[in-house]
Amino acid sequence: MATAEATLLRLARDAAPDLKTIRESVEAIAADSHRASEVITSVRGLFRKGGTKKQVLDVNDLMREVLSIEGSELQPMARAQDTARQKCALGVVGRRQFQQVILNLITNAMEAMSSESDRPRELRVGSRVRGNGRCPIEIEDSGKGIGAD
C-alpha cells in the first residue's frame, strides 16, 4: 500500500514522471499483492478440514524472500549478509507463517540496532546444516544485546 501511495504521489507531482521508476513501483505492488494472496490462501488452509500439506522447502530460500521483502527497510538500517552456504531442506506446513516468524526476528534485530551510532549496523541471516540433519536458523545483529539485569 505504501508503494502504491508513493507512486500515486509521484504521478501527481511530476509533470513528466520517470516511467522506469513507475514501472518498477507497479511491479513491486504486483509482487506484494501476490504474496498477500498467498498469505490469505495459506491462512484459509489452516482452518479447512485437514489443514495444509507439508512442503519440503529450502529454509535459506525462504529467508532470502523475506530479506527481499524487507530490503528497502534494511538499507538505511543495516547491511544484511546472507551467510547461507548449503541448501537446508525442511518440511514446512505453513510457508508464509514460517516466513512471518523470520520477519519478526529480523524486525526485532533491526529494532535492537536502531539506536546504534558508534559502530556499523550489521544483520547476518542464514543457517548451517548440522550432521544430524538439523538446520538451525541464525539471525545475528550488531545491537547491544540484552542487559544483565
N, C-alpha and C. Protein backbone atom coordinates (compact mmCIF):
# COMPACT_ATOMS: atom_id res chain seq x y z
N MET A 1 0.83 -1.17 0.00
CA MET A 1 0.00 0.00 0.00
C MET A 1 0.88 1.25 0.00
N ALA A 2 1.96 1.23 0.77
CA ALA A 2 2.86 2.38 0.82
C ALA A 2 3.47 2.66 -0.55
N THR A 3 3.84 1.59 -1.26
CA THR A 3 4.40 1.77 -2.60
C THR A 3 3.37 2.35 -3.55
N ALA A 4 2.13 1.89 -3.45
CA ALA A 4 1.06 2.42 -4.31
C ALA A 4 0.82 3.90 -4.02
N GLU A 5 0.77 4.25 -2.75
CA GLU A 5 0.54 5.66 -2.38
C GLU A 5 1.69 6.54 -2.85
N ALA A 6 2.92 6.06 -2.68
CA ALA A 6 4.08 6.84 -3.13
C ALA A 6 4.07 7.00 -4.65
N THR A 7 3.67 5.97 -5.35
CA THR A 7 3.60 6.04 -6.82
C THR A 7 2.54 7.04 -7.25
N LEU A 8 1.39 7.02 -6.59
CA LEU A 8 0.34 7.98 -6.91
C LEU A 8 0.81 9.42 -6.65
N LEU A 9 1.50 9.64 -5.55
CA LEU A 9 2.05 10.97 -5.27
C LEU A 9 3.05 11.39 -6.33
N ARG A 10 3.90 10.45 -6.75
CA ARG A 10 4.89 10.75 -7.78
C ARG A 10 4.21 11.11 -9.10
N LEU A 11 3.15 10.39 -9.44
CA LEU A 11 2.42 10.68 -10.68
C LEU A 11 1.73 12.05 -10.61
N ALA A 12 1.20 12.40 -9.45
CA ALA A 12 0.51 13.69 -9.30
C ALA A 12 1.50 14.85 -9.27
N ARG A 13 2.69 14.61 -8.75
CA ARG A 13 3.68 15.66 -8.55
C ARG A 13 4.49 15.96 -9.81
N ASP A 14 4.91 14.93 -10.49
CA ASP A 14 5.82 15.09 -11.62
C ASP A 14 5.06 15.37 -12.91
N ALA A 15 5.47 16.42 -13.62
CA ALA A 15 4.86 16.73 -14.91
C ALA A 15 5.17 15.62 -15.92
N ALA A 16 6.40 15.14 -15.90
CA ALA A 16 6.80 14.04 -16.79
C ALA A 16 7.43 12.95 -15.92
N PRO A 17 6.61 12.05 -15.36
CA PRO A 17 7.15 11.03 -14.45
C PRO A 17 8.11 10.08 -15.16
N ASP A 18 9.07 9.61 -14.39
CA ASP A 18 10.05 8.64 -14.88
C ASP A 18 9.34 7.29 -15.01
N LEU A 19 9.08 6.88 -16.24
CA LEU A 19 8.31 5.65 -16.48
C LEU A 19 9.03 4.40 -15.98
N LYS A 20 10.36 4.40 -15.99
CA LYS A 20 11.09 3.24 -15.46
C LYS A 20 10.82 3.08 -13.96
N THR A 21 10.87 4.17 -13.23
CA THR A 21 10.60 4.13 -11.79
C THR A 21 9.15 3.72 -11.52
N ILE A 22 8.23 4.28 -12.31
CA ILE A 22 6.81 3.93 -12.14
C ILE A 22 6.60 2.45 -12.42
N ARG A 23 7.22 1.95 -13.50
CA ARG A 23 7.10 0.52 -13.83
C ARG A 23 7.63 -0.35 -12.70
N GLU A 24 8.78 0.00 -12.13
CA GLU A 24 9.36 -0.76 -11.03
C GLU A 24 8.44 -0.74 -9.81
N SER A 25 7.82 0.40 -9.56
CA SER A 25 6.89 0.51 -8.44
C SER A 25 5.67 -0.38 -8.65
N VAL A 26 5.13 -0.36 -9.86
CA VAL A 26 3.95 -1.19 -10.15
C VAL A 26 4.32 -2.67 -10.08
N GLU A 27 5.51 -3.04 -10.53
CA GLU A 27 5.95 -4.43 -10.41
C GLU A 27 6.07 -4.83 -8.94
N ALA A 28 6.58 -3.93 -8.10
CA ALA A 28 6.68 -4.22 -6.67
C ALA A 28 5.30 -4.38 -6.05
N ILE A 29 4.35 -3.54 -6.48
CA ILE A 29 2.98 -3.64 -5.97
C ILE A 29 2.38 -4.99 -6.37
N ALA A 30 2.60 -5.41 -7.61
CA ALA A 30 2.07 -6.69 -8.08
C ALA A 30 2.67 -7.85 -7.28
N ALA A 31 3.99 -7.79 -7.04
CA ALA A 31 4.65 -8.86 -6.28
C ALA A 31 4.13 -8.90 -4.84
N ASP A 32 3.96 -7.73 -4.23
CA ASP A 32 3.43 -7.68 -2.86
C ASP A 32 2.00 -8.20 -2.81
N SER A 33 1.22 -7.88 -3.82
CA SER A 33 -0.17 -8.36 -3.88
C SER A 33 -0.21 -9.88 -4.01
N HIS A 34 0.69 -10.42 -4.81
CA HIS A 34 0.77 -11.88 -4.97
C HIS A 34 1.12 -12.54 -3.64
N ARG A 35 2.10 -11.96 -2.94
CA ARG A 35 2.48 -12.51 -1.63
C ARG A 35 1.32 -12.43 -0.64
N ALA A 36 0.59 -11.32 -0.66
CA ALA A 36 -0.56 -11.17 0.24
C ALA A 36 -1.61 -12.22 -0.06
N SER A 37 -1.84 -12.49 -1.34
CA SER A 37 -2.80 -13.51 -1.75
C SER A 37 -2.37 -14.88 -1.23
N GLU A 38 -1.07 -15.18 -1.32
CA GLU A 38 -0.57 -16.45 -0.81
C GLU A 38 -0.74 -16.57 0.70
N VAL A 39 -0.55 -15.47 1.41
CA VAL A 39 -0.74 -15.47 2.86
C VAL A 39 -2.19 -15.80 3.18
N ILE A 40 -3.11 -15.13 2.51
CA ILE A 40 -4.54 -15.36 2.76
C ILE A 40 -4.91 -16.81 2.45
N THR A 41 -4.43 -17.33 1.32
CA THR A 41 -4.71 -18.72 0.96
C THR A 41 -4.16 -19.67 2.01
N SER A 42 -2.96 -19.39 2.49
CA SER A 42 -2.34 -20.24 3.50
C SER A 42 -3.11 -20.21 4.81
N VAL A 43 -3.52 -19.02 5.24
CA VAL A 43 -4.28 -18.90 6.49
C VAL A 43 -5.62 -19.62 6.36
N ARG A 44 -6.28 -19.45 5.22
CA ARG A 44 -7.55 -20.16 5.00
C ARG A 44 -7.34 -21.66 5.06
N GLY A 45 -6.22 -22.14 4.52
CA GLY A 45 -5.92 -23.57 4.53
C GLY A 45 -5.77 -24.12 5.94
N LEU A 46 -5.29 -23.29 6.85
CA LEU A 46 -5.14 -23.73 8.24
C LEU A 46 -6.48 -24.03 8.89
N PHE A 47 -7.53 -23.37 8.43
CA PHE A 47 -8.84 -23.53 9.05
C PHE A 47 -9.73 -24.53 8.31
N ARG A 48 -9.29 -25.00 7.15
CA ARG A 48 -10.04 -26.03 6.44
C ARG A 48 -9.81 -27.37 7.09
N LYS A 49 -10.74 -28.26 6.89
CA LYS A 49 -10.58 -29.61 7.40
C LYS A 49 -9.32 -30.22 6.78
N GLY A 50 -8.43 -30.70 7.59
CA GLY A 50 -7.20 -31.31 7.10
C GLY A 50 -6.04 -30.34 7.00
N GLY A 51 -6.31 -29.03 7.08
CA GLY A 51 -5.24 -28.04 7.04
C GLY A 51 -4.49 -28.04 5.73
N THR A 52 -3.26 -27.59 5.77
CA THR A 52 -2.44 -27.54 4.56
C THR A 52 -1.45 -28.69 4.60
N LYS A 53 -0.91 -29.00 3.44
CA LYS A 53 0.05 -30.10 3.34
C LYS A 53 1.46 -29.59 3.58
N LYS A 54 2.27 -30.46 4.15
CA LYS A 54 3.67 -30.12 4.40
C LYS A 54 4.42 -30.07 3.08
N GLN A 55 5.25 -29.04 2.93
CA GLN A 55 6.10 -28.89 1.76
C GLN A 55 7.54 -28.96 2.22
N VAL A 56 8.39 -29.57 1.43
CA VAL A 56 9.82 -29.55 1.72
C VAL A 56 10.40 -28.36 0.96
N LEU A 57 10.93 -27.42 1.71
CA LEU A 57 11.43 -26.17 1.15
C LEU A 57 12.84 -25.90 1.66
N ASP A 58 13.57 -25.10 0.92
CA ASP A 58 14.89 -24.67 1.36
C ASP A 58 14.72 -23.48 2.29
N VAL A 59 15.12 -23.64 3.54
CA VAL A 59 15.00 -22.60 4.55
C VAL A 59 15.69 -21.32 4.09
N ASN A 60 16.85 -21.46 3.47
CA ASN A 60 17.60 -20.28 3.03
C ASN A 60 16.85 -19.51 1.95
N ASP A 61 16.17 -20.23 1.04
CA ASP A 61 15.36 -19.55 0.03
C ASP A 61 14.24 -18.75 0.68
N LEU A 62 13.61 -19.34 1.70
CA LEU A 62 12.54 -18.63 2.42
C LEU A 62 13.08 -17.37 3.08
N MET A 63 14.27 -17.46 3.68
CA MET A 63 14.85 -16.30 4.34
C MET A 63 15.25 -15.23 3.32
N ARG A 64 15.76 -15.65 2.16
CA ARG A 64 16.11 -14.68 1.11
C ARG A 64 14.86 -13.93 0.63
N GLU A 65 13.74 -14.64 0.53
CA GLU A 65 12.49 -13.98 0.13
C GLU A 65 12.11 -12.91 1.14
N VAL A 66 12.25 -13.23 2.43
CA VAL A 66 11.92 -12.25 3.47
C VAL A 66 12.86 -11.06 3.37
N LEU A 67 14.14 -11.31 3.15
CA LEU A 67 15.10 -10.21 3.02
C LEU A 67 14.77 -9.34 1.81
N SER A 68 14.29 -9.95 0.74
CA SER A 68 13.94 -9.14 -0.44
C SER A 68 12.71 -8.30 -0.15
N ILE A 69 11.78 -8.83 0.64
CA ILE A 69 10.59 -8.07 1.03
C ILE A 69 11.00 -6.90 1.90
N GLU A 70 11.91 -7.14 2.83
CA GLU A 70 12.32 -6.13 3.79
C GLU A 70 13.49 -5.28 3.30
N GLY A 71 13.97 -5.54 2.10
CA GLY A 71 15.16 -4.87 1.59
C GLY A 71 15.16 -3.37 1.74
N SER A 72 14.05 -2.72 1.38
CA SER A 72 14.01 -1.26 1.46
C SER A 72 14.07 -0.78 2.89
N GLU A 73 13.55 -1.56 3.81
CA GLU A 73 13.61 -1.19 5.23
C GLU A 73 15.01 -1.40 5.79
N LEU A 74 15.71 -2.38 5.28
CA LEU A 74 17.04 -2.70 5.79
C LEU A 74 18.11 -1.72 5.33
N GLN A 75 17.96 -1.17 4.14
CA GLN A 75 19.01 -0.33 3.57
C GLN A 75 19.49 0.77 4.51
N PRO A 76 18.60 1.62 5.04
CA PRO A 76 19.11 2.67 5.92
C PRO A 76 19.55 2.14 7.29
N MET A 77 19.09 0.96 7.64
CA MET A 77 19.33 0.43 8.97
C MET A 77 20.63 -0.35 9.07
N ALA A 78 20.83 -1.26 8.16
CA ALA A 78 21.95 -2.18 8.31
C ALA A 78 22.32 -2.80 6.98
N ARG A 79 23.50 -3.33 6.96
CA ARG A 79 23.93 -4.11 5.81
C ARG A 79 23.59 -5.56 6.13
N ALA A 80 22.73 -6.16 5.31
CA ALA A 80 22.33 -7.55 5.55
C ALA A 80 23.29 -8.49 4.85
N GLN A 81 23.71 -9.52 5.55
CA GLN A 81 24.59 -10.53 4.98
C GLN A 81 23.85 -11.86 4.96
N ASP A 82 23.89 -12.50 3.82
CA ASP A 82 23.32 -13.83 3.69
C ASP A 82 24.46 -14.81 3.94
N THR A 83 24.43 -15.51 5.07
CA THR A 83 25.54 -16.40 5.44
C THR A 83 25.29 -17.85 5.06
N ALA A 84 24.20 -18.12 4.35
CA ALA A 84 23.87 -19.49 3.99
C ALA A 84 24.89 -20.04 3.00
N ARG A 85 25.37 -21.22 3.24
CA ARG A 85 26.35 -21.83 2.36
C ARG A 85 25.79 -23.08 1.66
N GLN A 86 24.86 -23.76 2.31
CA GLN A 86 24.34 -25.01 1.78
C GLN A 86 22.82 -24.96 1.75
N LYS A 87 22.24 -25.80 0.90
CA LYS A 87 20.79 -25.95 0.90
C LYS A 87 20.40 -26.56 2.23
N CYS A 88 19.28 -26.12 2.75
CA CYS A 88 18.81 -26.59 4.04
C CYS A 88 17.33 -26.94 3.91
N ALA A 89 17.04 -28.18 3.54
CA ALA A 89 15.66 -28.61 3.32
C ALA A 89 14.96 -28.84 4.65
N LEU A 90 13.71 -28.38 4.70
CA LEU A 90 12.92 -28.50 5.92
C LEU A 90 11.47 -28.71 5.52
N GLY A 91 10.80 -29.62 6.20
CA GLY A 91 9.37 -29.81 5.97
C GLY A 91 8.60 -28.72 6.69
N VAL A 92 7.89 -27.90 5.92
CA VAL A 92 7.17 -26.75 6.47
C VAL A 92 5.69 -26.89 6.16
N VAL A 93 4.83 -26.72 7.16
CA VAL A 93 3.39 -26.78 6.94
C VAL A 93 2.87 -25.42 6.52
N GLY A 94 3.29 -24.38 7.15
CA GLY A 94 2.82 -23.03 6.84
C GLY A 94 3.95 -22.18 6.31
N ARG A 95 4.16 -22.18 5.01
CA ARG A 95 5.26 -21.44 4.39
C ARG A 95 5.24 -19.98 4.82
N ARG A 96 4.10 -19.32 4.66
CA ARG A 96 4.02 -17.90 4.98
C ARG A 96 4.12 -17.65 6.48
N GLN A 97 3.59 -18.55 7.28
CA GLN A 97 3.72 -18.38 8.72
C GLN A 97 5.18 -18.51 9.14
N PHE A 98 5.89 -19.44 8.51
CA PHE A 98 7.32 -19.60 8.78
C PHE A 98 8.06 -18.32 8.41
N GLN A 99 7.73 -17.75 7.26
CA GLN A 99 8.36 -16.51 6.84
C GLN A 99 8.00 -15.37 7.79
N GLN A 100 6.79 -15.39 8.34
CA GLN A 100 6.40 -14.35 9.28
C GLN A 100 7.25 -14.42 10.54
N VAL A 101 7.57 -15.63 10.99
CA VAL A 101 8.45 -15.79 12.15
C VAL A 101 9.83 -15.19 11.84
N ILE A 102 10.37 -15.50 10.65
CA ILE A 102 11.66 -14.95 10.24
C ILE A 102 11.58 -13.42 10.18
N LEU A 103 10.50 -12.91 9.60
CA LEU A 103 10.31 -11.46 9.50
C LEU A 103 10.27 -10.83 10.89
N ASN A 104 9.59 -11.46 11.83
CA ASN A 104 9.53 -10.93 13.20
C ASN A 104 10.92 -10.90 13.83
N LEU A 105 11.72 -11.94 13.61
CA LEU A 105 13.07 -11.97 14.17
C LEU A 105 13.95 -10.88 13.54
N ILE A 106 13.81 -10.68 12.23
CA ILE A 106 14.57 -9.63 11.56
C ILE A 106 14.14 -8.26 12.06
N THR A 107 12.83 -8.07 12.24
CA THR A 107 12.31 -6.80 12.77
C THR A 107 12.87 -6.53 14.16
N ASN A 108 12.90 -7.56 15.00
CA ASN A 108 13.47 -7.41 16.35
C ASN A 108 14.94 -7.03 16.27
N ALA A 109 15.68 -7.65 15.35
CA ALA A 109 17.10 -7.34 15.18
C ALA A 109 17.28 -5.89 14.73
N MET A 110 16.42 -5.43 13.81
CA MET A 110 16.51 -4.05 13.33
C MET A 110 16.23 -3.08 14.46
N GLU A 111 15.24 -3.40 15.30
CA GLU A 111 14.94 -2.54 16.44
C GLU A 111 16.10 -2.52 17.43
N ALA A 112 16.76 -3.66 17.61
CA ALA A 112 17.90 -3.73 18.53
C ALA A 112 19.05 -2.86 18.06
N MET A 113 19.15 -2.64 16.75
CA MET A 113 20.25 -1.84 16.20
C MET A 113 19.86 -0.39 15.96
N SER A 114 18.61 -0.05 16.15
CA SER A 114 18.13 1.28 15.77
C SER A 114 18.85 2.42 16.49
N SER A 115 19.32 2.19 17.69
CA SER A 115 19.99 3.27 18.43
C SER A 115 21.51 3.24 18.27
N GLU A 116 22.02 2.29 17.51
CA GLU A 116 23.47 2.19 17.31
C GLU A 116 23.97 3.34 16.43
N SER A 117 24.99 4.04 16.92
CA SER A 117 25.59 5.09 16.09
C SER A 117 27.12 5.04 16.15
N ASP A 118 27.65 4.27 17.10
CA ASP A 118 29.10 4.24 17.28
C ASP A 118 29.78 3.08 16.54
N ARG A 119 29.01 2.25 15.88
CA ARG A 119 29.59 1.14 15.11
C ARG A 119 28.65 0.77 13.96
N PRO A 120 29.20 0.08 12.97
CA PRO A 120 28.35 -0.30 11.82
C PRO A 120 27.22 -1.22 12.26
N ARG A 121 26.08 -1.07 11.64
CA ARG A 121 24.94 -1.94 11.91
C ARG A 121 24.97 -3.08 10.90
N GLU A 122 25.06 -4.29 11.41
CA GLU A 122 25.11 -5.45 10.54
C GLU A 122 24.07 -6.47 10.97
N LEU A 123 23.45 -7.08 9.99
CA LEU A 123 22.46 -8.12 10.21
C LEU A 123 22.90 -9.33 9.39
N ARG A 124 23.12 -10.45 10.05
CA ARG A 124 23.51 -11.67 9.36
C ARG A 124 22.36 -12.67 9.49
N VAL A 125 21.98 -13.22 8.34
CA VAL A 125 20.86 -14.15 8.28
C VAL A 125 21.31 -15.38 7.52
N GLY A 126 21.08 -16.56 8.08
CA GLY A 126 21.45 -17.77 7.38
C GLY A 126 21.17 -19.00 8.21
N SER A 127 21.78 -20.08 7.83
CA SER A 127 21.61 -21.35 8.54
C SER A 127 22.84 -22.20 8.26
N ARG A 128 23.00 -23.21 9.07
CA ARG A 128 24.10 -24.14 8.88
C ARG A 128 23.55 -25.55 9.03
N VAL A 129 23.82 -26.36 8.05
CA VAL A 129 23.36 -27.74 8.11
C VAL A 129 24.24 -28.50 9.10
N ARG A 130 23.62 -29.13 10.06
CA ARG A 130 24.34 -29.90 11.08
C ARG A 130 24.42 -31.36 10.64
N GLY A 131 25.32 -32.11 11.24
CA GLY A 131 25.49 -33.52 10.91
C GLY A 131 24.26 -34.37 11.16
N ASN A 132 23.43 -33.96 12.10
CA ASN A 132 22.24 -34.72 12.43
C ASN A 132 21.05 -34.39 11.52
N GLY A 133 21.31 -33.63 10.46
CA GLY A 133 20.24 -33.28 9.52
C GLY A 133 19.45 -32.06 9.93
N ARG A 134 19.75 -31.52 11.10
CA ARG A 134 19.05 -30.32 11.55
C ARG A 134 19.65 -29.09 10.90
N CYS A 135 18.88 -28.04 10.90
CA CYS A 135 19.30 -26.84 10.20
C CYS A 135 18.86 -25.61 11.00
N PRO A 136 19.59 -25.27 12.06
CA PRO A 136 19.19 -24.11 12.85
C PRO A 136 19.32 -22.81 12.05
N ILE A 137 18.36 -21.94 12.25
CA ILE A 137 18.35 -20.63 11.60
C ILE A 137 19.14 -19.68 12.48
N GLU A 138 19.96 -18.86 11.84
CA GLU A 138 20.78 -17.91 12.58
C GLU A 138 20.47 -16.50 12.11
N ILE A 139 20.03 -15.67 13.05
CA ILE A 139 19.81 -14.25 12.77
C ILE A 139 20.58 -13.50 13.83
N GLU A 140 21.60 -12.79 13.41
CA GLU A 140 22.51 -12.12 14.33
C GLU A 140 22.60 -10.65 13.97
N ASP A 141 22.54 -9.79 14.98
CA ASP A 141 22.64 -8.36 14.72
C ASP A 141 23.76 -7.77 15.57
N SER A 142 24.16 -6.56 15.26
CA SER A 142 25.24 -5.89 15.97
C SER A 142 24.72 -4.94 17.04
N GLY A 143 23.51 -5.18 17.51
CA GLY A 143 22.95 -4.36 18.59
C GLY A 143 23.66 -4.64 19.90
N LYS A 144 23.32 -3.87 20.93
CA LYS A 144 23.99 -4.01 22.23
C LYS A 144 23.63 -5.29 22.97
N GLY A 145 22.51 -5.89 22.62
CA GLY A 145 22.11 -7.12 23.27
C GLY A 145 21.24 -6.84 24.49
N ILE A 146 20.98 -7.89 25.22
CA ILE A 146 20.11 -7.81 26.40
C ILE A 146 20.98 -7.53 27.62
N GLY A 147 20.59 -6.54 28.40
CA GLY A 147 21.34 -6.19 29.60
C GLY A 147 21.32 -7.30 30.63
N ALA A 148 22.34 -7.31 31.49
CA ALA A 148 22.46 -8.34 32.51
C ALA A 148 21.30 -8.37 33.49
N ASP A 149 20.71 -7.17 33.73
CA ASP A 149 19.60 -7.13 34.68
C ASP A 149 18.33 -7.63 34.02
